[in-house]
């Protein structure tokens, strides 16, 4: 059941990111055409692309953890050999989860404080605390992936296999 939920979340993230990148490409192309051909711009389109960059950053980072494609410093990983390599990887995932939990906690406090005096984006008039909530959701996905990776590394250590679970 949990694997099906994680697979559904992954599929949702991948499709959402695809649609956003596709829409951003079309929007930027349209902006260029509008500015150079018609000497006019669609004002709200630029702001929408900026907001989508926030989405892409956090949802993309979540998928980056799932696929193991984050940038990392390999110096310590190259020095440490098995079985300590797996412990280092497990510890790294716990640190990420702890950091994300801390940021979410303070982020939600900020969002609650901002709801009493809302600020809006200049053109689309989207409440900024809603955008901050997107950051917290993205960080929640990152934390979920980190905890899953932690358990997968521990499970592979216990079973004695070198292969992690995706």
N, C-alpha and C. Protein backbone atom coordinates (compact mmCIF):
# COMPACT_ATOMS: atom_id res chain seq x y z
N UNK A 1 0.83 -1.20 0.00
CA UNK A 1 0.00 0.00 0.00
C UNK A 1 0.87 1.26 0.00
N UNK A 2 1.91 1.28 0.85
CA UNK A 2 2.80 2.43 0.93
C UNK A 2 3.54 2.64 -0.39
N UNK A 3 3.97 1.54 -1.02
CA UNK A 3 4.66 1.66 -2.29
C UNK A 3 3.76 2.26 -3.37
N UNK A 4 2.48 1.91 -3.33
CA UNK A 4 1.54 2.46 -4.31
C UNK A 4 1.35 3.96 -4.10
N UNK A 5 1.30 4.37 -2.84
CA UNK A 5 1.14 5.80 -2.53
C UNK A 5 2.37 6.57 -2.99
N UNK A 6 3.55 6.02 -2.70
CA UNK A 6 4.80 6.68 -3.09
C UNK A 6 4.90 6.74 -4.61
N UNK A 7 4.49 5.68 -5.28
CA UNK A 7 4.52 5.66 -6.74
C UNK A 7 3.56 6.71 -7.31
N UNK A 8 2.39 6.85 -6.69
CA UNK A 8 1.42 7.85 -7.14
C UNK A 8 1.97 9.26 -6.93
N UNK A 9 2.61 9.50 -5.79
CA UNK A 9 3.19 10.82 -5.52
C UNK A 9 4.29 11.11 -6.54
N UNK A 10 5.13 10.12 -6.82
CA UNK A 10 6.21 10.29 -7.79
C UNK A 10 5.65 10.61 -9.17
N UNK A 11 4.64 9.87 -9.57
CA UNK A 11 4.02 10.09 -10.88
C UNK A 11 3.41 11.49 -10.96
N UNK A 12 2.74 11.91 -9.89
CA UNK A 12 2.16 13.24 -9.84
C UNK A 12 3.25 14.30 -9.96
N UNK A 13 4.34 14.14 -9.19
CA UNK A 13 5.44 15.10 -9.25
C UNK A 13 6.04 15.18 -10.66
N UNK A 14 6.27 14.02 -11.27
CA UNK A 14 6.88 14.01 -12.59
C UNK A 14 5.99 14.68 -13.63
N UNK A 15 4.70 14.38 -13.62
CA UNK A 15 3.79 15.01 -14.57
C UNK A 15 3.65 16.51 -14.30
N UNK A 16 3.56 16.88 -13.03
CA UNK A 16 3.45 18.29 -12.68
C UNK A 16 4.69 19.06 -13.16
N UNK A 17 5.87 18.50 -12.91
CA UNK A 17 7.10 19.15 -13.34
C UNK A 17 7.17 19.24 -14.87
N UNK A 18 6.79 18.17 -15.54
CA UNK A 18 6.79 18.20 -17.01
C UNK A 18 5.88 19.30 -17.53
N UNK A 19 4.65 19.35 -17.01
CA UNK A 19 3.70 20.36 -17.48
C UNK A 19 4.19 21.77 -17.18
N UNK A 20 4.81 21.97 -16.02
CA UNK A 20 5.32 23.29 -15.69
C UNK A 20 6.47 23.71 -16.59
N UNK A 21 7.40 22.81 -16.83
CA UNK A 21 8.52 23.15 -17.70
C UNK A 21 8.02 23.43 -19.12
N UNK A 22 7.08 22.63 -19.58
CA UNK A 22 6.51 22.84 -20.91
C UNK A 22 5.80 24.19 -20.98
N UNK A 23 4.99 24.48 -19.98
CA UNK A 23 4.26 25.76 -19.95
C UNK A 23 5.22 26.93 -19.81
N UNK A 24 6.29 26.77 -19.01
CA UNK A 24 7.26 27.85 -18.87
C UNK A 24 7.95 28.14 -20.20
N UNK A 25 8.30 27.09 -20.92
CA UNK A 25 8.92 27.27 -22.23
C UNK A 25 8.02 28.02 -23.19
N UNK A 26 6.75 27.61 -23.22
CA UNK A 26 5.77 28.31 -24.07
C UNK A 26 5.59 29.76 -23.63
N UNK A 27 5.54 29.99 -22.33
CA UNK A 27 5.33 31.34 -21.82
C UNK A 27 6.50 32.25 -22.17
N UNK A 28 7.70 31.76 -22.00
CA UNK A 28 8.87 32.57 -22.30
C UNK A 28 8.95 32.84 -23.80
N UNK A 29 8.66 31.83 -24.61
CA UNK A 29 8.62 32.04 -26.06
C UNK A 29 7.58 33.10 -26.42
N UNK A 30 6.39 33.00 -25.83
CA UNK A 30 5.33 33.96 -26.10
C UNK A 30 5.76 35.36 -25.67
N UNK A 31 6.42 35.48 -24.52
CA UNK A 31 6.90 36.78 -24.06
C UNK A 31 7.89 37.39 -25.04
N UNK A 32 8.81 36.58 -25.55
CA UNK A 32 9.80 37.08 -26.51
C UNK A 32 9.11 37.56 -27.77
N UNK A 33 8.18 36.76 -28.29
CA UNK A 33 7.45 37.15 -29.49
C UNK A 33 6.66 38.44 -29.25
N UNK A 34 5.99 38.51 -28.11
CA UNK A 34 5.18 39.71 -27.80
C UNK A 34 6.07 40.95 -27.70
N UNK A 35 7.22 40.83 -27.06
CA UNK A 35 8.07 42.01 -26.87
C UNK A 35 8.73 42.47 -28.16
N UNK A 36 9.22 41.54 -28.95
CA UNK A 36 9.97 41.94 -30.14
C UNK A 36 9.09 42.12 -31.37
N UNK A 37 8.00 41.41 -31.47
CA UNK A 37 7.14 41.55 -32.64
C UNK A 37 6.06 42.61 -32.43
N UNK A 38 5.51 42.67 -31.22
CA UNK A 38 4.40 43.57 -30.97
C UNK A 38 4.74 44.71 -30.01
N UNK A 39 5.97 44.75 -29.51
CA UNK A 39 6.44 45.79 -28.59
C UNK A 39 5.52 45.93 -27.37
N UNK A 40 5.04 44.80 -26.91
CA UNK A 40 4.17 44.75 -25.74
C UNK A 40 4.46 43.44 -25.02
N UNK A 41 4.15 43.42 -23.75
CA UNK A 41 4.38 42.20 -22.98
C UNK A 41 3.13 41.84 -22.19
N UNK A 42 3.02 40.58 -21.89
CA UNK A 42 1.94 40.11 -21.02
C UNK A 42 2.51 40.15 -19.60
N UNK A 43 2.06 41.08 -18.81
CA UNK A 43 2.70 41.35 -17.52
C UNK A 43 2.61 40.19 -16.54
N UNK A 44 1.50 39.52 -16.52
CA UNK A 44 1.31 38.47 -15.51
C UNK A 44 2.09 37.21 -15.85
N UNK A 45 2.49 37.04 -17.09
CA UNK A 45 3.18 35.82 -17.51
C UNK A 45 4.57 35.70 -16.87
N UNK A 46 5.27 36.81 -16.78
CA UNK A 46 6.59 36.79 -16.14
C UNK A 46 6.50 36.42 -14.67
N UNK A 47 5.50 36.94 -13.99
CA UNK A 47 5.32 36.61 -12.57
C UNK A 47 4.95 35.14 -12.40
N UNK A 48 4.13 34.63 -13.28
CA UNK A 48 3.75 33.22 -13.22
C UNK A 48 4.98 32.33 -13.38
N UNK A 49 5.87 32.67 -14.30
CA UNK A 49 7.09 31.88 -14.50
C UNK A 49 7.97 31.93 -13.25
N UNK A 50 8.07 33.10 -12.62
CA UNK A 50 8.85 33.19 -11.38
C UNK A 50 8.27 32.29 -10.29
N UNK A 51 6.97 32.25 -10.19
CA UNK A 51 6.32 31.40 -9.18
C UNK A 51 6.57 29.93 -9.51
N UNK A 52 6.51 29.60 -10.78
CA UNK A 52 6.74 28.21 -11.17
C UNK A 52 8.17 27.76 -10.90
N UNK A 53 9.11 28.67 -10.93
CA UNK A 53 10.49 28.32 -10.58
C UNK A 53 10.56 27.83 -9.13
N UNK A 54 9.76 28.44 -8.26
CA UNK A 54 9.71 27.99 -6.86
C UNK A 54 9.19 26.55 -6.80
N UNK A 55 8.11 26.29 -7.51
CA UNK A 55 7.57 24.93 -7.57
C UNK A 55 8.62 23.95 -8.07
N UNK A 56 9.24 24.29 -9.18
CA UNK A 56 10.22 23.40 -9.80
C UNK A 56 11.39 23.12 -8.87
N UNK A 57 11.81 24.11 -8.14
CA UNK A 57 12.95 23.93 -7.24
C UNK A 57 12.66 22.88 -6.18
N UNK A 58 11.55 23.01 -5.51
CA UNK A 58 11.29 22.12 -4.38
C UNK A 58 10.75 20.75 -4.79
N UNK A 59 9.87 20.72 -5.78
CA UNK A 59 9.38 19.42 -6.24
C UNK A 59 10.48 18.67 -6.99
N UNK A 60 11.31 19.40 -7.72
CA UNK A 60 12.45 18.78 -8.40
C UNK A 60 13.47 18.25 -7.42
N UNK A 61 13.68 18.95 -6.32
CA UNK A 61 14.62 18.48 -5.29
C UNK A 61 14.13 17.18 -4.67
N UNK A 62 12.83 17.07 -4.50
CA UNK A 62 12.26 15.83 -3.97
C UNK A 62 12.55 14.66 -4.89
N UNK A 63 12.34 14.87 -6.19
CA UNK A 63 12.65 13.80 -7.15
C UNK A 63 14.16 13.54 -7.22
N UNK A 64 14.94 14.59 -7.01
CA UNK A 64 16.39 14.43 -6.99
C UNK A 64 16.84 13.49 -5.89
N UNK A 65 16.19 13.56 -4.74
CA UNK A 65 16.51 12.64 -3.65
C UNK A 65 16.08 11.23 -4.02
N UNK A 66 14.90 11.10 -4.62
CA UNK A 66 14.43 9.77 -4.99
C UNK A 66 15.38 9.08 -5.95
N UNK A 67 15.87 9.83 -6.95
CA UNK A 67 16.74 9.23 -7.95
C UNK A 67 18.23 9.34 -7.62
N UNK A 68 18.55 9.92 -6.46
CA UNK A 68 19.95 10.03 -6.05
C UNK A 68 20.77 10.94 -6.94
N UNK A 69 20.17 12.00 -7.43
CA UNK A 69 20.88 12.87 -8.36
C UNK A 69 21.22 14.24 -7.78
N UNK A 70 21.25 14.34 -6.45
CA UNK A 70 21.64 15.60 -5.83
C UNK A 70 23.15 15.77 -5.87
N UNK A 71 23.56 17.00 -5.89
CA UNK A 71 24.99 17.31 -5.81
C UNK A 71 25.44 17.02 -4.39
N UNK A 72 26.56 16.35 -4.26
CA UNK A 72 27.08 16.09 -2.92
C UNK A 72 28.60 16.12 -2.97
N UNK A 73 29.20 16.31 -1.81
CA UNK A 73 30.65 16.29 -1.69
C UNK A 73 31.05 14.83 -1.50
N UNK A 74 31.80 14.32 -2.45
CA UNK A 74 32.16 12.90 -2.43
C UNK A 74 33.44 12.59 -1.67
N UNK A 75 34.13 13.61 -1.17
CA UNK A 75 35.41 13.36 -0.52
C UNK A 75 35.26 12.38 0.64
N UNK A 76 34.31 12.63 1.52
CA UNK A 76 34.12 11.74 2.66
C UNK A 76 33.58 10.38 2.22
N UNK A 77 32.69 10.38 1.23
CA UNK A 77 32.15 9.11 0.72
C UNK A 77 33.23 8.24 0.12
N UNK A 78 34.22 8.86 -0.53
CA UNK A 78 35.29 8.10 -1.16
C UNK A 78 36.28 7.54 -0.13
N UNK A 79 36.42 8.21 0.99
CA UNK A 79 37.34 7.76 2.03
C UNK A 79 36.74 6.61 2.82
N UNK A 80 35.45 6.75 3.14
CA UNK A 80 34.77 5.76 3.99
C UNK A 80 34.36 4.57 3.14
N UNK A 81 34.66 3.38 3.60
CA UNK A 81 34.32 2.14 2.89
C UNK A 81 33.17 1.43 3.59
N UNK A 82 32.63 0.41 2.93
CA UNK A 82 31.56 -0.40 3.52
C UNK A 82 32.04 -1.04 4.80
N UNK A 83 31.22 -1.24 5.78
CA UNK A 83 29.79 -0.92 5.92
C UNK A 83 29.55 0.50 6.40
N UNK A 84 30.62 1.25 6.67
CA UNK A 84 30.46 2.61 7.18
C UNK A 84 29.92 3.57 6.12
N UNK A 85 30.12 3.22 4.88
CA UNK A 85 29.58 4.04 3.79
C UNK A 85 28.06 4.11 3.89
N UNK A 86 27.44 2.97 4.15
CA UNK A 86 25.98 2.92 4.29
C UNK A 86 25.52 3.69 5.52
N UNK A 87 26.29 3.61 6.60
CA UNK A 87 25.94 4.38 7.80
C UNK A 87 26.03 5.88 7.52
N UNK A 88 27.05 6.28 6.77
CA UNK A 88 27.19 7.69 6.41
C UNK A 88 26.02 8.15 5.56
N UNK A 89 25.59 7.31 4.63
CA UNK A 89 24.44 7.65 3.80
C UNK A 89 23.16 7.74 4.63
N UNK A 90 22.99 6.82 5.57
CA UNK A 90 21.82 6.85 6.44
C UNK A 90 21.83 8.11 7.31
N UNK A 91 23.00 8.43 7.85
CA UNK A 91 23.13 9.63 8.68
C UNK A 91 22.83 10.88 7.86
N UNK A 92 23.31 10.92 6.63
CA UNK A 92 23.06 12.06 5.74
C UNK A 92 21.56 12.25 5.51
N UNK A 93 20.85 11.17 5.31
CA UNK A 93 19.40 11.26 5.11
C UNK A 93 18.69 11.73 6.37
N UNK A 94 19.17 11.31 7.53
CA UNK A 94 18.58 11.79 8.78
C UNK A 94 18.82 13.28 8.98
N UNK A 95 20.00 13.75 8.63
CA UNK A 95 20.31 15.17 8.76
C UNK A 95 19.40 15.99 7.84
N UNK A 96 19.22 15.52 6.63
CA UNK A 96 18.32 16.22 5.68
C UNK A 96 16.91 16.26 6.26
N UNK A 97 16.43 15.15 6.78
CA UNK A 97 15.07 15.11 7.34
C UNK A 97 14.94 16.05 8.54
N UNK A 98 15.96 16.09 9.40
CA UNK A 98 15.92 16.98 10.56
C UNK A 98 15.93 18.45 10.12
N UNK A 99 16.75 18.77 9.15
CA UNK A 99 16.82 20.15 8.64
C UNK A 99 15.48 20.56 8.04
N UNK A 100 14.92 19.70 7.22
CA UNK A 100 13.64 19.99 6.57
C UNK A 100 12.54 20.17 7.61
N UNK A 101 12.54 19.33 8.63
CA UNK A 101 11.54 19.44 9.69
C UNK A 101 11.65 20.79 10.40
N UNK A 102 12.86 21.23 10.67
CA UNK A 102 13.08 22.52 11.32
C UNK A 102 12.58 23.66 10.44
N UNK A 103 12.93 23.63 9.17
CA UNK A 103 12.50 24.70 8.27
C UNK A 103 10.98 24.71 8.11
N UNK A 104 10.37 23.54 8.04
CA UNK A 104 8.91 23.47 7.94
C UNK A 104 8.26 24.06 9.19
N UNK A 105 8.80 23.73 10.35
CA UNK A 105 8.24 24.24 11.60
C UNK A 105 8.25 25.77 11.62
N UNK A 106 9.40 26.36 11.33
CA UNK A 106 9.47 27.82 11.34
C UNK A 106 8.72 28.43 10.17
N UNK A 107 8.69 27.73 9.04
CA UNK A 107 7.94 28.21 7.88
C UNK A 107 6.45 28.27 8.16
N UNK A 108 5.93 27.23 8.80
CA UNK A 108 4.50 27.24 9.13
C UNK A 108 4.17 28.33 10.14
N UNK A 109 5.08 28.57 11.10
CA UNK A 109 4.87 29.68 12.03
C UNK A 109 4.83 31.02 11.29
N UNK A 110 5.71 31.18 10.31
CA UNK A 110 5.72 32.40 9.50
C UNK A 110 4.42 32.53 8.71
N UNK A 111 3.97 31.44 8.13
CA UNK A 111 2.74 31.46 7.34
C UNK A 111 1.55 31.84 8.21
N UNK A 112 1.49 31.28 9.40
CA UNK A 112 0.39 31.60 10.33
C UNK A 112 0.43 33.08 10.68
N UNK A 113 1.63 33.59 10.93
CA UNK A 113 1.75 35.02 11.26
C UNK A 113 1.37 35.90 10.07
N UNK A 114 1.69 35.46 8.87
CA UNK A 114 1.41 36.26 7.68
C UNK A 114 -0.08 36.28 7.31
N UNK A 115 -0.83 35.29 7.74
CA UNK A 115 -2.25 35.26 7.36
C UNK A 115 -3.03 36.41 7.97
N UNK A 116 -2.56 36.94 9.10
CA UNK A 116 -3.28 38.07 9.71
C UNK A 116 -3.01 39.38 8.97
N UNK A 117 -1.86 39.49 8.31
CA UNK A 117 -1.52 40.67 7.50
C UNK A 117 -0.99 40.20 6.15
N UNK A 118 -1.88 39.77 5.27
CA UNK A 118 -1.41 39.16 4.03
C UNK A 118 -0.74 40.16 3.09
N UNK A 119 0.27 39.67 2.40
CA UNK A 119 0.93 40.40 1.32
C UNK A 119 0.64 39.65 0.03
N UNK A 120 0.55 40.38 -1.06
CA UNK A 120 0.17 39.77 -2.32
C UNK A 120 1.26 40.00 -3.37
N UNK A 121 1.31 39.09 -4.34
CA UNK A 121 2.23 39.30 -5.45
C UNK A 121 1.73 40.50 -6.25
N UNK A 122 2.63 41.23 -6.89
CA UNK A 122 2.24 42.50 -7.51
C UNK A 122 1.18 42.38 -8.61
N UNK A 123 1.28 41.40 -9.49
CA UNK A 123 0.40 41.36 -10.65
C UNK A 123 -0.74 40.37 -10.47
N UNK A 124 -0.42 39.14 -10.10
CA UNK A 124 -1.44 38.10 -9.99
C UNK A 124 -2.24 38.18 -8.69
N UNK A 125 -1.75 38.95 -7.75
CA UNK A 125 -2.43 39.14 -6.45
C UNK A 125 -2.62 37.82 -5.70
N UNK A 126 -1.63 36.94 -5.78
CA UNK A 126 -1.66 35.69 -5.04
C UNK A 126 -1.08 35.98 -3.65
N UNK A 127 -1.75 35.53 -2.58
CA UNK A 127 -1.19 35.75 -1.25
C UNK A 127 0.18 35.08 -1.13
N UNK A 128 1.15 35.83 -0.64
CA UNK A 128 2.51 35.29 -0.55
C UNK A 128 2.61 34.13 0.43
N UNK A 129 1.73 34.13 1.44
CA UNK A 129 1.80 33.00 2.37
C UNK A 129 1.39 31.70 1.69
N UNK A 130 0.59 31.77 0.63
CA UNK A 130 0.27 30.57 -0.14
C UNK A 130 1.51 30.04 -0.86
N UNK A 131 2.33 30.95 -1.36
CA UNK A 131 3.58 30.53 -2.00
C UNK A 131 4.54 29.92 -1.00
N UNK A 132 4.56 30.48 0.21
CA UNK A 132 5.42 29.91 1.25
C UNK A 132 4.92 28.52 1.65
N UNK A 133 3.61 28.32 1.58
CA UNK A 133 3.06 27.01 1.88
C UNK A 133 3.53 25.98 0.85
N UNK A 134 3.67 26.40 -0.39
CA UNK A 134 4.19 25.51 -1.44
C UNK A 134 5.62 25.08 -1.09
N UNK A 135 6.41 26.01 -0.55
CA UNK A 135 7.77 25.68 -0.12
C UNK A 135 7.72 24.62 0.98
N UNK A 136 6.82 24.78 1.93
CA UNK A 136 6.70 23.80 3.02
C UNK A 136 6.25 22.43 2.48
N UNK A 137 5.36 22.43 1.51
CA UNK A 137 4.92 21.15 0.93
C UNK A 137 6.08 20.49 0.21
N UNK A 138 6.82 21.26 -0.56
CA UNK A 138 7.99 20.71 -1.25
C UNK A 138 9.03 20.18 -0.27
N UNK A 139 9.25 20.92 0.81
CA UNK A 139 10.19 20.45 1.83
C UNK A 139 9.66 19.21 2.52
N UNK A 140 8.34 19.12 2.69
CA UNK A 140 7.74 17.92 3.27
C UNK A 140 8.01 16.70 2.39
N UNK A 141 7.91 16.89 1.08
CA UNK A 141 8.22 15.80 0.15
C UNK A 141 9.70 15.41 0.22
N UNK A 142 10.56 16.41 0.34
CA UNK A 142 11.99 16.14 0.49
C UNK A 142 12.24 15.35 1.77
N UNK A 143 11.59 15.76 2.86
CA UNK A 143 11.74 15.03 4.13
C UNK A 143 11.23 13.61 4.04
N UNK A 144 10.08 13.44 3.37
CA UNK A 144 9.53 12.10 3.20
C UNK A 144 10.50 11.21 2.42
N UNK A 145 11.05 11.75 1.35
CA UNK A 145 12.00 10.97 0.54
C UNK A 145 13.26 10.64 1.34
N UNK A 146 13.73 11.59 2.14
CA UNK A 146 14.93 11.34 2.95
C UNK A 146 14.70 10.24 3.97
N UNK A 147 13.55 10.27 4.61
CA UNK A 147 13.24 9.23 5.60
C UNK A 147 13.10 7.87 4.91
N UNK A 148 12.46 7.85 3.75
CA UNK A 148 12.35 6.59 3.00
C UNK A 148 13.74 6.08 2.60
N UNK A 149 14.60 6.98 2.14
CA UNK A 149 15.96 6.56 1.78
C UNK A 149 16.70 6.04 3.01
N UNK A 150 16.50 6.68 4.16
CA UNK A 150 17.12 6.21 5.40
C UNK A 150 16.71 4.78 5.70
N UNK A 151 15.40 4.53 5.66
CA UNK A 151 14.91 3.17 5.94
C UNK A 151 15.40 2.17 4.91
N UNK A 152 15.49 2.59 3.68
CA UNK A 152 15.96 1.68 2.63
C UNK A 152 17.43 1.32 2.83
N UNK A 153 18.24 2.29 3.22
CA UNK A 153 19.66 2.01 3.48
C UNK A 153 19.79 1.08 4.67
N UNK A 154 19.04 1.34 5.73
CA UNK A 154 19.09 0.48 6.93
C UNK A 154 18.61 -0.92 6.58
N UNK A 155 17.53 -1.02 5.81
CA UNK A 155 17.01 -2.33 5.42
C UNK A 155 18.04 -3.09 4.58
N UNK A 156 18.74 -2.40 3.69
CA UNK A 156 19.75 -3.08 2.88
C UNK A 156 20.93 -3.52 3.73
N UNK A 157 21.25 -2.75 4.78
CA UNK A 157 22.34 -3.13 5.69
C UNK A 157 21.94 -4.37 6.49
N UNK A 158 20.70 -4.38 6.96
CA UNK A 158 20.23 -5.51 7.76
C UNK A 158 20.15 -6.79 6.93
N UNK A 159 19.66 -6.63 5.69
CA UNK A 159 19.53 -7.82 4.85
C UNK A 159 20.87 -8.24 4.26
N UNK A 160 21.85 -7.35 4.33
CA UNK A 160 23.18 -7.69 3.83
C UNK A 160 23.37 -7.43 2.35
N UNK A 161 22.35 -6.88 1.71
CA UNK A 161 22.50 -6.59 0.28
C UNK A 161 23.06 -5.18 0.12
N UNK A 162 23.78 -4.97 -0.94
CA UNK A 162 24.38 -3.67 -1.21
C UNK A 162 23.43 -2.76 -1.98
N UNK A 163 22.35 -3.31 -2.49
CA UNK A 163 21.43 -2.55 -3.32
C UNK A 163 20.36 -1.90 -2.46
N UNK A 164 20.13 -0.59 -2.67
CA UNK A 164 19.05 0.11 -1.99
C UNK A 164 17.75 -0.08 -2.74
N UNK A 165 16.67 0.31 -2.12
CA UNK A 165 15.35 0.21 -2.73
C UNK A 165 14.99 1.57 -3.26
N UNK A 166 14.35 1.63 -4.44
CA UNK A 166 14.01 2.95 -5.00
C UNK A 166 12.58 3.31 -4.71
